[in-house]
Amino acid sequence: MSYVIRSVRADEWPAAKELRLAALRDPVAHLAFLETYEEAVAKPDSFWQERTAQASEGADAVQQIIAEGPDGRWVGTLTVLVEEPGTTDWAGFEVQRKQGHIVAVFVRPEERGSGLTEVLFDAALEWSWAQGLERVRLIVHEGNGRAQRFYRRAGFVPSGVTVPLGDAGERELEFVLERE
Protein backbone atom coordinates (compact mmCIF):
# COMPACT_ATOMS: atom_id res chain seq x y z
CA MET A 1 0.00 0.00 0.00
CA SER A 2 1.26 3.46 -0.76
CA TYR A 3 0.78 6.31 1.67
CA VAL A 4 1.15 10.04 1.39
CA ILE A 5 3.20 11.31 4.34
CA ARG A 6 2.75 15.01 4.94
CA SER A 7 2.03 17.75 7.43
CA VAL A 8 -1.57 18.62 8.21
CA ARG A 9 -3.21 21.69 6.75
CA ALA A 10 -5.13 24.10 8.97
CA ASP A 11 -8.49 23.39 7.33
CA GLU A 12 -8.21 19.66 7.99
CA TRP A 13 -9.23 19.90 11.63
CA PRO A 14 -12.20 17.49 11.25
CA ALA A 15 -9.87 14.71 10.11
CA ALA A 16 -7.35 15.58 12.84
CA LYS A 17 -10.12 15.40 15.42
CA GLU A 18 -11.42 12.07 14.10
CA LEU A 19 -7.96 10.47 14.15
CA ARG A 20 -7.24 11.74 17.67
CA LEU A 21 -10.54 10.33 18.92
CA ALA A 22 -9.76 7.00 17.25
CA ALA A 23 -6.36 6.98 19.00
CA LEU A 24 -8.02 7.60 22.36
CA ARG A 25 -10.26 4.56 21.83
CA ASP A 26 -7.23 2.27 21.37
CA PRO A 27 -6.95 -0.39 24.12
CA VAL A 28 -3.55 0.97 25.23
CA ALA A 29 -4.53 4.65 25.02
CA HIS A 30 -4.34 4.93 28.81
CA LEU A 31 -0.61 4.11 28.55
CA ALA A 32 0.10 6.40 25.61
CA PHE A 33 -1.99 9.55 26.00
CA LEU A 34 -2.48 12.03 28.82
CA GLU A 35 -6.16 12.58 28.08
CA THR A 36 -9.19 10.35 27.76
CA TYR A 37 -11.65 9.95 24.93
CA GLU A 38 -14.33 11.53 27.11
CA GLU A 39 -12.20 14.62 27.74
CA ALA A 40 -11.30 15.03 24.06
CA VAL A 41 -14.76 14.46 22.59
CA ALA A 42 -16.18 17.16 24.89
CA LYS A 43 -13.90 19.86 23.43
CA PRO A 44 -15.51 22.40 21.05
CA ASP A 45 -14.68 22.57 17.37
CA SER A 46 -12.78 25.81 18.02
CA PHE A 47 -10.26 23.79 20.08
CA TRP A 48 -9.66 21.38 17.20
CA GLN A 49 -9.42 24.21 14.68
CA GLU A 50 -6.78 26.02 16.75
CA ARG A 51 -4.86 22.84 17.56
CA THR A 52 -4.68 21.82 13.90
CA ALA A 53 -3.74 25.31 12.69
CA GLN A 54 -0.88 25.57 15.21
CA ALA A 55 0.60 22.26 14.03
CA SER A 56 -0.01 22.70 10.31
CA GLU A 57 2.28 22.88 7.33
CA GLY A 58 4.69 25.78 7.63
CA ALA A 59 4.52 26.07 11.42
CA ASP A 60 7.91 25.99 13.10
CA ALA A 61 7.09 25.26 16.77
CA VAL A 62 4.79 22.26 16.29
CA GLN A 63 4.27 19.93 13.36
CA GLN A 64 1.63 17.21 13.02
CA ILE A 65 2.54 14.67 10.38
CA ILE A 66 -0.03 12.27 9.01
CA ALA A 67 -0.13 9.20 6.81
CA GLU A 68 -2.90 9.31 4.27
CA GLY A 69 -4.02 6.11 2.58
CA PRO A 70 -4.79 5.79 -1.13
CA ASP A 71 -8.47 6.43 -0.37
CA GLY A 72 -7.65 9.70 1.45
CA ARG A 73 -8.32 8.26 4.91
CA TRP A 74 -5.83 9.26 7.60
CA VAL A 75 -4.29 6.07 8.99
CA GLY A 76 -1.46 7.32 11.19
CA THR A 77 -0.04 10.40 12.85
CA LEU A 78 2.50 11.86 15.20
CA THR A 79 3.34 15.36 16.34
CA VAL A 80 6.71 17.02 16.98
CA LEU A 81 6.85 19.80 19.57
CA VAL A 82 9.90 22.08 19.50
CA GLU A 83 11.31 22.69 22.99
CA GLU A 84 13.61 25.65 23.51
CA PRO A 85 16.48 25.81 26.03
CA GLY A 86 15.58 27.58 29.24
CA THR A 87 11.89 26.66 29.06
CA THR A 88 10.12 24.12 31.23
CA ASP A 89 8.59 21.01 29.66
CA TRP A 90 5.17 19.50 30.42
CA ALA A 91 6.60 17.45 33.33
CA GLY A 92 8.26 20.45 34.98
CA PHE A 93 11.83 19.71 33.86
CA GLU A 94 14.02 22.50 32.49
CA VAL A 95 14.85 22.06 28.81
CA GLN A 96 18.63 22.17 28.36
CA ARG A 97 18.90 22.33 24.56
CA LYS A 98 16.85 22.88 21.44
CA GLN A 99 15.08 19.62 20.90
CA GLY A 100 12.04 17.97 19.44
CA HIS A 101 9.53 16.05 21.50
CA ILE A 102 7.51 13.44 19.62
CA VAL A 103 4.00 12.99 21.01
CA ALA A 104 0.63 11.57 19.98
CA VAL A 105 2.00 8.63 17.97
CA PHE A 106 -0.85 6.55 16.56
CA VAL A 107 -1.33 4.12 13.70
CA ARG A 108 -4.71 2.52 13.14
CA PRO A 109 -4.65 -1.16 14.20
CA GLU A 110 -5.29 -2.47 10.69
CA GLU A 111 -2.18 -0.62 9.43
CA ARG A 112 0.22 -1.78 12.16
CA GLY A 113 3.12 -3.95 11.07
CA SER A 114 3.16 -2.38 7.61
CA GLY A 115 6.22 -0.18 8.20
CA LEU A 116 4.06 2.92 8.43
CA THR A 117 5.30 3.93 11.88
CA GLU A 118 8.88 3.87 10.61
CA VAL A 119 7.93 6.12 7.70
CA LEU A 120 6.17 8.57 10.05
CA PHE A 121 9.24 8.65 12.31
CA ASP A 122 11.53 9.24 9.33
CA ALA A 123 9.39 12.23 8.33
CA ALA A 124 9.39 13.56 11.91
CA LEU A 125 13.16 13.29 12.16
CA GLU A 126 13.66 14.91 8.76
CA TRP A 127 11.46 17.83 9.83
CA SER A 128 13.23 18.06 13.21
CA TRP A 129 16.72 18.15 11.74
CA ALA A 130 15.58 20.77 9.19
CA GLN A 131 14.50 22.94 12.16
CA GLY A 132 18.04 22.74 13.57
CA LEU A 133 17.09 20.60 16.55
CA GLU A 134 19.97 18.96 18.43
CA ARG A 135 18.05 15.87 19.47
CA VAL A 136 14.59 14.37 19.48
CA ARG A 137 13.00 12.74 22.49
CA LEU A 138 9.83 11.02 23.49
CA ILE A 139 8.29 9.81 26.70
CA VAL A 140 6.86 6.29 26.97
CA HIS A 141 5.01 4.54 29.78
CA GLU A 142 7.15 1.90 31.47
CA GLY A 143 4.40 -0.67 30.78
CA ASN A 144 4.19 0.03 27.04
CA GLY A 145 6.65 -2.60 25.84
CA ARG A 146 5.42 -2.57 22.24
CA ALA A 147 6.23 1.14 21.90
CA GLN A 148 9.57 0.80 23.68
CA ARG A 149 10.65 -1.98 21.30
CA PHE A 150 9.77 0.16 18.30
CA TYR A 151 11.56 3.24 19.65
CA ARG A 152 14.73 1.19 20.22
CA ARG A 153 14.55 -0.17 16.67
CA ALA A 154 14.19 3.42 15.42
CA GLY A 155 17.46 4.34 17.17
CA PHE A 156 16.13 5.93 20.35
CA VAL A 157 17.81 5.00 23.63
CA PRO A 158 16.73 5.49 27.25
CA SER A 159 18.24 8.66 28.71
CA GLY A 160 17.76 7.64 32.33
CA VAL A 161 15.20 10.40 32.91
CA THR A 162 11.95 9.15 34.43
CA VAL A 163 8.69 10.97 35.00
CA PRO A 164 6.46 9.82 37.87
CA LEU A 165 2.79 9.40 37.03
CA GLY A 166 0.28 10.26 39.73
CA ASP A 167 0.06 8.37 42.98
CA ALA A 168 0.03 4.84 41.53
CA GLY A 169 3.83 4.54 41.51
CA GLU A 170 3.90 4.25 37.73
CA ARG A 171 6.39 6.17 35.65
CA GLU A 172 7.29 7.12 32.13
CA LEU A 173 10.72 6.83 30.56
CA GLU A 174 12.48 9.31 28.30
CA PHE A 175 14.04 7.94 25.11
CA VAL A 176 16.31 10.17 22.98
CA LEU A 177 17.95 10.24 19.58
CA GLU A 178 20.89 12.60 19.14
CA ARG A 179 21.47 14.37 15.86
CA GLU A 180 24.53 12.95 14.14
C-alpha atoms as a PDB file:
ATOM      1  CA  MET A   1       0.000   0.000   0.000  1.00  0.00           C
ATOM      2  CA  SER A   2       1.262   3.462  -0.759  1.00  0.00           C
ATOM      3  CA  TYR A   3       0.776   6.305   1.673  1.00  0.00           C
ATOM      4  CA  VAL A   4       1.153  10.039   1.388  1.00  0.00           C
ATOM      5  CA  ILE A   5       3.196  11.309   4.344  1.00  0.00           C
ATOM      6  CA  ARG A   6       2.750  15.015   4.941  1.00  0.00           C
ATOM      7  CA  SER A   7       2.027  17.751   7.429  1.00  0.00           C
ATOM      8  CA  VAL A   8      -1.568  18.618   8.205  1.00  0.00           C
ATOM      9  CA  ARG A   9      -3.210  21.689   6.750  1.00  0.00           C
ATOM     10  CA  ALA A  10      -5.135  24.099   8.975  1.00  0.00           C
ATOM     11  CA  ASP A  11      -8.495  23.390   7.328  1.00  0.00           C
ATOM     12  CA  GLU A  12      -8.206  19.657   7.985  1.00  0.00           C
ATOM     13  CA  TRP A  13      -9.228  19.896  11.626  1.00  0.00           C
ATOM     14  CA  PRO A  14     -12.201  17.493  11.254  1.00  0.00           C
ATOM     15  CA  ALA A  15      -9.866  14.709  10.107  1.00  0.00           C
ATOM     16  CA  ALA A  16      -7.346  15.582  12.837  1.00  0.00           C
ATOM     17  CA  LYS A  17     -10.117  15.403  15.422  1.00  0.00           C
ATOM     18  CA  GLU A  18     -11.423  12.069  14.098  1.00  0.00           C
ATOM     19  CA  LEU A  19      -7.960  10.474  14.155  1.00  0.00           C
ATOM     20  CA  ARG A  20      -7.242  11.738  17.670  1.00  0.00           C
ATOM     21  CA  LEU A  21     -10.542  10.335  18.923  1.00  0.00           C
ATOM     22  CA  ALA A  22      -9.757   6.997  17.253  1.00  0.00           C
ATOM     23  CA  ALA A  23      -6.362   6.982  19.005  1.00  0.00           C
ATOM     24  CA  LEU A  24      -8.016   7.604  22.361  1.00  0.00           C
ATOM     25  CA  ARG A  25     -10.262   4.563  21.828  1.00  0.00           C
ATOM     26  CA  ASP A  26      -7.234   2.273  21.368  1.00  0.00           C
ATOM     27  CA  PRO A  27      -6.950  -0.391  24.115  1.00  0.00           C
ATOM     28  CA  VAL A  28      -3.546   0.971  25.232  1.00  0.00           C
ATOM     29  CA  ALA A  29      -4.527   4.653  25.022  1.00  0.00           C
ATOM     30  CA  HIS A  30      -4.336   4.926  28.810  1.00  0.00           C
ATOM     31  CA  LEU A  31      -0.612   4.114  28.546  1.00  0.00           C
ATOM     32  CA  ALA A  32       0.097   6.403  25.613  1.00  0.00           C
ATOM     33  CA  PHE A  33      -1.990   9.547  26.003  1.00  0.00           C
ATOM     34  CA  LEU A  34      -2.475  12.027  28.822  1.00  0.00           C
ATOM     35  CA  GLU A  35      -6.160  12.577  28.079  1.00  0.00           C
ATOM     36  CA  THR A  36      -9.195  10.348  27.763  1.00  0.00           C
ATOM     37  CA  TYR A  37     -11.646   9.950  24.929  1.00  0.00           C
ATOM     38  CA  GLU A  38     -14.330  11.527  27.105  1.00  0.00           C
ATOM     39  CA  GLU A  39     -12.199  14.618  27.738  1.00  0.00           C
ATOM     40  CA  ALA A  40     -11.301  15.029  24.061  1.00  0.00           C
ATOM     41  CA  VAL A  41     -14.758  14.462  22.592  1.00  0.00           C
ATOM     42  CA  ALA A  42     -16.176  17.162  24.890  1.00  0.00           C
ATOM     43  CA  LYS A  43     -13.904  19.858  23.432  1.00  0.00           C
ATOM     44  CA  PRO A  44     -15.514  22.395  21.053  1.00  0.00           C
ATOM     45  CA  ASP A  45     -14.681  22.568  17.367  1.00  0.00           C
ATOM     46  CA  SER A  46     -12.783  25.806  18.023  1.00  0.00           C
ATOM     47  CA  PHE A  47     -10.263  23.790  20.076  1.00  0.00           C
ATOM     48  CA  TRP A  48      -9.661  21.377  17.197  1.00  0.00           C
ATOM     49  CA  GLN A  49      -9.417  24.213  14.682  1.00  0.00           C
ATOM     50  CA  GLU A  50      -6.784  26.018  16.753  1.00  0.00           C
ATOM     51  CA  ARG A  51      -4.860  22.844  17.561  1.00  0.00           C
ATOM     52  CA  THR A  52      -4.682  21.817  13.901  1.00  0.00           C
ATOM     53  CA  ALA A  53      -3.737  25.313  12.695  1.00  0.00           C
ATOM     54  CA  GLN A  54      -0.878  25.566  15.212  1.00  0.00           C
ATOM     55  CA  ALA A  55       0.602  22.259  14.033  1.00  0.00           C
ATOM     56  CA  SER A  56      -0.010  22.699  10.308  1.00  0.00           C
ATOM     57  CA  GLU A  57       2.275  22.876   7.329  1.00  0.00           C
ATOM     58  CA  GLY A  58       4.692  25.780   7.630  1.00  0.00           C
ATOM     59  CA  ALA A  59       4.520  26.074  11.422  1.00  0.00           C
ATOM     60  CA  ASP A  60       7.910  25.985  13.101  1.00  0.00           C
ATOM     61  CA  ALA A  61       7.085  25.264  16.769  1.00  0.00           C
ATOM     62  CA  VAL A  62       4.786  22.260  16.287  1.00  0.00           C
ATOM     63  CA  GLN A  63       4.267  19.930  13.363  1.00  0.00           C
ATOM     64  CA  GLN A  64       1.632  17.213  13.018  1.00  0.00           C
ATOM     65  CA  ILE A  65       2.538  14.673  10.383  1.00  0.00           C
ATOM     66  CA  ILE A  66      -0.027  12.268   9.011  1.00  0.00           C
ATOM     67  CA  ALA A  67      -0.127   9.205   6.807  1.00  0.00           C
ATOM     68  CA  GLU A  68      -2.897   9.313   4.266  1.00  0.00           C
ATOM     69  CA  GLY A  69      -4.015   6.108   2.578  1.00  0.00           C
ATOM     70  CA  PRO A  70      -4.793   5.791  -1.135  1.00  0.00           C
ATOM     71  CA  ASP A  71      -8.470   6.428  -0.375  1.00  0.00           C
ATOM     72  CA  GLY A  72      -7.654   9.699   1.449  1.00  0.00           C
ATOM     73  CA  ARG A  73      -8.325   8.256   4.913  1.00  0.00           C
ATOM     74  CA  TRP A  74      -5.828   9.257   7.596  1.00  0.00           C
ATOM     75  CA  VAL A  75      -4.289   6.070   8.993  1.00  0.00           C
ATOM     76  CA  GLY A  76      -1.456   7.322  11.192  1.00  0.00           C
ATOM     77  CA  THR A  77      -0.040  10.402  12.848  1.00  0.00           C
ATOM     78  CA  LEU A  78       2.497  11.865  15.204  1.00  0.00           C
ATOM     79  CA  THR A  79       3.339  15.361  16.340  1.00  0.00           C
ATOM     80  CA  VAL A  80       6.706  17.017  16.980  1.00  0.00           C
ATOM     81  CA  LEU A  81       6.851  19.801  19.571  1.00  0.00           C
ATOM     82  CA  VAL A  82       9.903  22.080  19.504  1.00  0.00           C
ATOM     83  CA  GLU A  83      11.306  22.688  22.995  1.00  0.00           C
ATOM     84  CA  GLU A  84      13.607  25.650  23.509  1.00  0.00           C
ATOM     85  CA  PRO A  85      16.481  25.813  26.030  1.00  0.00           C
ATOM     86  CA  GLY A  86      15.580  27.584  29.244  1.00  0.00           C
ATOM     87  CA  THR A  87      11.893  26.663  29.064  1.00  0.00           C
ATOM     88  CA  THR A  88      10.124  24.116  31.227  1.00  0.00           C
ATOM     89  CA  ASP A  89       8.586  21.012  29.665  1.00  0.00           C
ATOM     90  CA  TRP A  90       5.170  19.503  30.424  1.00  0.00           C
ATOM     91  CA  ALA A  91       6.604  17.450  33.326  1.00  0.00           C
ATOM     92  CA  GLY A  92       8.263  20.446  34.984  1.00  0.00           C
ATOM     93  CA  PHE A  93      11.832  19.706  33.857  1.00  0.00           C
ATOM     94  CA  GLU A  94      14.021  22.500  32.488  1.00  0.00           C
ATOM     95  CA  VAL A  95      14.851  22.063  28.806  1.00  0.00           C
ATOM     96  CA  GLN A  96      18.628  22.165  28.361  1.00  0.00           C
ATOM     97  CA  ARG A  97      18.901  22.332  24.560  1.00  0.00           C
ATOM     98  CA  LYS A  98      16.850  22.883  21.441  1.00  0.00           C
ATOM     99  CA  GLN A  99      15.080  19.618  20.900  1.00  0.00           C
ATOM    100  CA  GLY A 100      12.039  17.973  19.444  1.00  0.00           C
ATOM    101  CA  HIS A 101       9.531  16.047  21.499  1.00  0.00           C
ATOM    102  CA  ILE A 102       7.511  13.438  19.623  1.00  0.00           C
ATOM    103  CA  VAL A 103       4.002  12.992  21.012  1.00  0.00           C
ATOM    104  CA  ALA A 104       0.633  11.570  19.985  1.00  0.00           C
ATOM    105  CA  VAL A 105       1.997   8.631  17.974  1.00  0.00           C
ATOM    106  CA  PHE A 106      -0.846   6.551  16.560  1.00  0.00           C
ATOM    107  CA  VAL A 107      -1.328   4.116  13.697  1.00  0.00           C
ATOM    108  CA  ARG A 108      -4.714   2.516  13.139  1.00  0.00           C
ATOM    109  CA  PRO A 109      -4.650  -1.158  14.201  1.00  0.00           C
ATOM    110  CA  GLU A 110      -5.295  -2.467  10.686  1.00  0.00           C
ATOM    111  CA  GLU A 111      -2.177  -0.618   9.433  1.00  0.00           C
ATOM    112  CA  ARG A 112       0.222  -1.781  12.162  1.00  0.00           C
ATOM    113  CA  GLY A 113       3.118  -3.951  11.071  1.00  0.00           C
ATOM    114  CA  SER A 114       3.159  -2.377   7.608  1.00  0.00           C
ATOM    115  CA  GLY A 115       6.220  -0.180   8.202  1.00  0.00           C
ATOM    116  CA  LEU A 116       4.059   2.921   8.431  1.00  0.00           C
ATOM    117  CA  THR A 117       5.299   3.926  11.885  1.00  0.00           C
ATOM    118  CA  GLU A 118       8.884   3.871  10.612  1.00  0.00           C
ATOM    119  CA  VAL A 119       7.929   6.123   7.700  1.00  0.00           C
ATOM    120  CA  LEU A 120       6.174   8.570  10.048  1.00  0.00           C
ATOM    121  CA  PHE A 121       9.242   8.655  12.311  1.00  0.00           C
ATOM    122  CA  ASP A 122      11.533   9.235   9.325  1.00  0.00           C
ATOM    123  CA  ALA A 123       9.393  12.228   8.332  1.00  0.00           C
ATOM    124  CA  ALA A 124       9.388  13.558  11.911  1.00  0.00           C
ATOM    125  CA  LEU A 125      13.161  13.294  12.158  1.00  0.00           C
ATOM    126  CA  GLU A 126      13.662  14.907   8.756  1.00  0.00           C
ATOM    127  CA  TRP A 127      11.456  17.830   9.833  1.00  0.00           C
ATOM    128  CA  SER A 128      13.229  18.061  13.213  1.00  0.00           C
ATOM    129  CA  TRP A 129      16.725  18.152  11.743  1.00  0.00           C
ATOM    130  CA  ALA A 130      15.583  20.772   9.189  1.00  0.00           C
ATOM    131  CA  GLN A 131      14.496  22.935  12.164  1.00  0.00           C
ATOM    132  CA  GLY A 132      18.042  22.738  13.572  1.00  0.00           C
ATOM    133  CA  LEU A 133      17.086  20.596  16.550  1.00  0.00           C
ATOM    134  CA  GLU A 134      19.970  18.962  18.425  1.00  0.00           C
ATOM    135  CA  ARG A 135      18.050  15.872  19.467  1.00  0.00           C
ATOM    136  CA  VAL A 136      14.593  14.366  19.484  1.00  0.00           C
ATOM    137  CA  ARG A 137      13.003  12.745  22.493  1.00  0.00           C
ATOM    138  CA  LEU A 138       9.825  11.022  23.491  1.00  0.00           C
ATOM    139  CA  ILE A 139       8.286   9.811  26.703  1.00  0.00           C
ATOM    140  CA  VAL A 140       6.862   6.293  26.973  1.00  0.00           C
ATOM    141  CA  HIS A 141       5.009   4.535  29.783  1.00  0.00           C
ATOM    142  CA  GLU A 142       7.151   1.898  31.468  1.00  0.00           C
ATOM    143  CA  GLY A 143       4.404  -0.667  30.775  1.00  0.00           C
ATOM    144  CA  ASN A 144       4.194   0.026  27.035  1.00  0.00           C
ATOM    145  CA  GLY A 145       6.651  -2.603  25.844  1.00  0.00           C
ATOM    146  CA  ARG A 146       5.422  -2.571  22.244  1.00  0.00           C
ATOM    147  CA  ALA A 147       6.226   1.135  21.901  1.00  0.00           C
ATOM    148  CA  GLN A 148       9.569   0.804  23.683  1.00  0.00           C
ATOM    149  CA  ARG A 149      10.652  -1.977  21.304  1.00  0.00           C
ATOM    150  CA  PHE A 150       9.768   0.159  18.295  1.00  0.00           C
ATOM    151  CA  TYR A 151      11.564   3.239  19.645  1.00  0.00           C
ATOM    152  CA  ARG A 152      14.727   1.190  20.217  1.00  0.00           C
ATOM    153  CA  ARG A 153      14.545  -0.173  16.665  1.00  0.00           C
ATOM    154  CA  ALA A 154      14.191   3.419  15.424  1.00  0.00           C
ATOM    155  CA  GLY A 155      17.462   4.341  17.168  1.00  0.00           C
ATOM    156  CA  PHE A 156      16.133   5.934  20.354  1.00  0.00           C
ATOM    157  CA  VAL A 157      17.808   4.996  23.631  1.00  0.00           C
ATOM    158  CA  PRO A 158      16.730   5.492  27.246  1.00  0.00           C
ATOM    159  CA  SER A 159      18.242   8.655  28.713  1.00  0.00           C
ATOM    160  CA  GLY A 160      17.757   7.637  32.328  1.00  0.00           C
ATOM    161  CA  VAL A 161      15.199  10.405  32.915  1.00  0.00           C
ATOM    162  CA  THR A 162      11.953   9.154  34.432  1.00  0.00           C
ATOM    163  CA  VAL A 163       8.690  10.972  34.997  1.00  0.00           C
ATOM    164  CA  PRO A 164       6.463   9.824  37.871  1.00  0.00           C
ATOM    165  CA  LEU A 165       2.785   9.399  37.035  1.00  0.00           C
ATOM    166  CA  GLY A 166       0.283  10.257  39.731  1.00  0.00           C
ATOM    167  CA  ASP A 167       0.056   8.371  42.975  1.00  0.00           C
ATOM    168  CA  ALA A 168       0.028   4.844  41.530  1.00  0.00           C
ATOM    169  CA  GLY A 169       3.829   4.540  41.508  1.00  0.00           C
ATOM    170  CA  GLU A 170       3.898   4.248  37.727  1.00  0.00           C
ATOM    171  CA  ARG A 171       6.387   6.172  35.650  1.00  0.00           C
ATOM    172  CA  GLU A 172       7.290   7.124  32.126  1.00  0.00           C
ATOM    173  CA  LEU A 173      10.718   6.833  30.556  1.00  0.00           C
ATOM    174  CA  GLU A 174      12.477   9.315  28.303  1.00  0.00           C
ATOM    175  CA  PHE A 175      14.043   7.942  25.109  1.00  0.00           C
ATOM    176  CA  VAL A 176      16.312  10.170  22.985  1.00  0.00           C
ATOM    177  CA  LEU A 177      17.953  10.243  19.584  1.00  0.00           C
ATOM    178  CA  GLU A 178      20.891  12.599  19.139  1.00  0.00           C
ATOM    179  CA  ARG A 179      21.470  14.373  15.864  1.00  0.00           C
ATOM    180  CA  GLU A 180      24.531  12.946  14.138  1.00  0.00           C
END
